[in-house]
Every structure is written in C-alpha cells, then in structure tokens.
Protein backbone atom coordinates (compact mmCIF):
# COMPACT_ATOMS: atom_id res chain seq x y z
CA MET A 1 94.71 74.45 121.78
CA THR A 2 92.15 77.13 122.52
CA MET A 3 89.49 77.82 119.94
CA PRO A 4 88.05 81.24 119.15
CA ASP A 5 84.38 81.47 120.13
CA GLU A 6 83.00 83.30 117.15
CA ILE A 7 83.59 83.52 113.42
CA SER A 8 84.19 87.01 112.07
CA GLU A 9 85.95 88.56 109.09
CA GLY A 10 89.63 87.67 109.42
CA SER A 11 88.95 84.46 111.38
CA ILE A 12 90.88 81.33 110.46
CA VAL A 13 88.44 78.47 109.96
CA ARG A 14 88.29 74.83 108.87
CA TYR A 15 85.46 73.48 106.72
CA SER A 16 84.26 70.30 108.39
CA GLY A 17 83.32 68.60 105.10
CA THR A 18 86.80 68.42 103.56
CA GLY A 19 89.18 69.94 106.10
CA THR A 20 89.78 72.97 103.87
CA VAL A 21 91.34 75.82 105.85
CA GLY A 22 91.07 79.50 105.03
CA ILE A 23 90.59 83.03 106.26
CA VAL A 24 87.08 84.51 106.27
CA LYS A 25 87.05 87.45 103.88
CA VAL A 26 83.33 88.31 103.90
CA LEU A 27 80.38 87.40 106.12
CA LYS A 28 76.97 87.49 104.46
CA THR A 29 73.49 87.11 105.94
CA GLU A 30 70.68 86.18 103.57
CA ASP A 31 67.14 87.55 103.89
CA ASP A 32 66.06 84.24 105.46
CA GLY A 33 68.73 84.63 108.18
CA GLU A 34 71.15 82.04 106.76
CA GLU A 35 74.77 83.07 107.36
CA TRP A 36 77.63 82.44 104.94
CA ALA A 37 81.38 83.07 104.96
CA LEU A 38 83.62 83.61 101.93
CA LEU A 39 87.00 81.86 102.31
CA ASP A 40 90.15 83.26 100.72
CA SER A 41 91.61 79.83 99.99
CA THR A 42 88.79 78.67 97.69
CA GLY A 43 86.82 81.79 96.76
CA LEU A 44 83.66 79.92 97.82
CA TYR A 45 80.94 80.67 100.38
CA TYR A 46 80.40 78.17 103.21
CA HIS A 47 77.44 77.99 105.59
CA LEU A 48 78.63 79.12 109.03
CA SER A 49 77.33 75.92 110.63
CA THR A 50 79.91 73.95 108.58
CA LEU A 51 82.92 76.01 109.69
CA GLN A 52 85.01 75.55 112.81
CA PRO A 53 87.17 78.45 114.06
CA ILE A 54 90.81 77.48 114.66
CA ASP A 55 93.72 79.28 116.33
CA LYS A 56 96.25 79.25 113.51
CA MET A 57 96.92 77.94 110.04
CA PRO A 58 98.20 74.36 110.11
CA GLU A 59 101.81 73.87 109.08
CA ARG A 60 102.28 72.67 105.53
CA ARG A 61 103.41 69.08 105.42
CA GLU A 62 105.57 67.41 102.84
CA ILE A 63 103.79 64.91 100.65
CA GLY A 64 105.02 61.55 101.85
CA ALA A 65 108.70 62.03 102.52
CA ARG A 66 109.21 64.21 99.45
CA SER A 67 109.68 67.93 99.22
CA LEU A 68 108.15 70.01 96.46
CA GLU A 69 111.54 70.28 94.77
CA GLU A 70 111.94 66.49 94.70
CA MET A 71 108.48 66.09 93.19
CA GLU A 72 109.23 68.71 90.50
CA GLU A 73 112.48 66.90 89.61
CA ARG A 74 110.63 63.59 89.33
CA MET A 75 107.95 65.15 87.11
CA LYS A 76 110.57 66.69 84.79
CA ALA A 77 112.36 63.33 84.51
CA GLU A 78 109.05 61.60 83.75
CA GLU A 79 108.15 64.21 81.10
CA GLU A 80 111.55 63.70 79.44
CA ARG A 81 111.06 59.93 79.49
CA MET A 82 107.61 60.31 77.91
CA ARG A 83 109.00 62.59 75.18
CA SER A 84 111.66 60.03 74.26
CA VAL A 85 109.07 57.23 74.11
CA LYS A 86 106.83 59.37 71.88
CA MET A 87 109.71 60.05 69.49
CA GLU A 88 110.35 56.31 69.22
CA ASP A 89 106.65 55.74 68.42
CA GLU A 90 106.63 58.38 65.68
CA SER A 91 109.49 56.72 63.82
CA VAL A 92 107.72 53.33 63.65
CA GLU A 93 106.09 52.61 60.28
CA SER A 94 103.39 50.10 59.76
CA GLY A 95 102.82 47.98 56.71
CA GLY A 96 99.86 48.72 54.53
C-alpha cells in the first residue's frame, strides 16, 4: 500500500495514539510553528507529528461475528428481560 507523502486538508489520516481514522478538515499553524489538524471523525485537533497519512478509509469490520442488526436484536431482548425482572421486583413487599 502506498502512503501519501504529505498531510493536507482532505487527507485521510490515522492517529498513532489510538488508531482513530479521519479526514483532515482544517490545518492550523500556531504562532510558535506547531502544526495541528482537525479531524472530521472526532472534531478534535491532533498534532501533525502524531498523524500518519493513509491511502483509504479502512473497511468497517463486524464486531466479533455479529452484525449491527444482530447486536440491536440482542440489546432489545436484554432490555425486555430487564423490564420483566424490574416488574417482578416492584410487586415484592417486605415486612415491616
């Protein structure tokens, strides 16, 4: 995979600290010469020395072997189960 040489507005980059990927929206140079890039994916500025230009956005992977739809179904089922348990708790009376 070839890497672009330079970071400019519109470049796709990866933040080396966390692996966050985004598109550079704004480049900013401070009075002291420090250079920063605003990423669209986080809305945060990153020092240029911490960013690596990449060719293209990585493909989104499924979490484990589950799709988003499967995870949403599991969460809905879990919420329903929690609601039924809560209703059972509310009907329990304690002695005084």
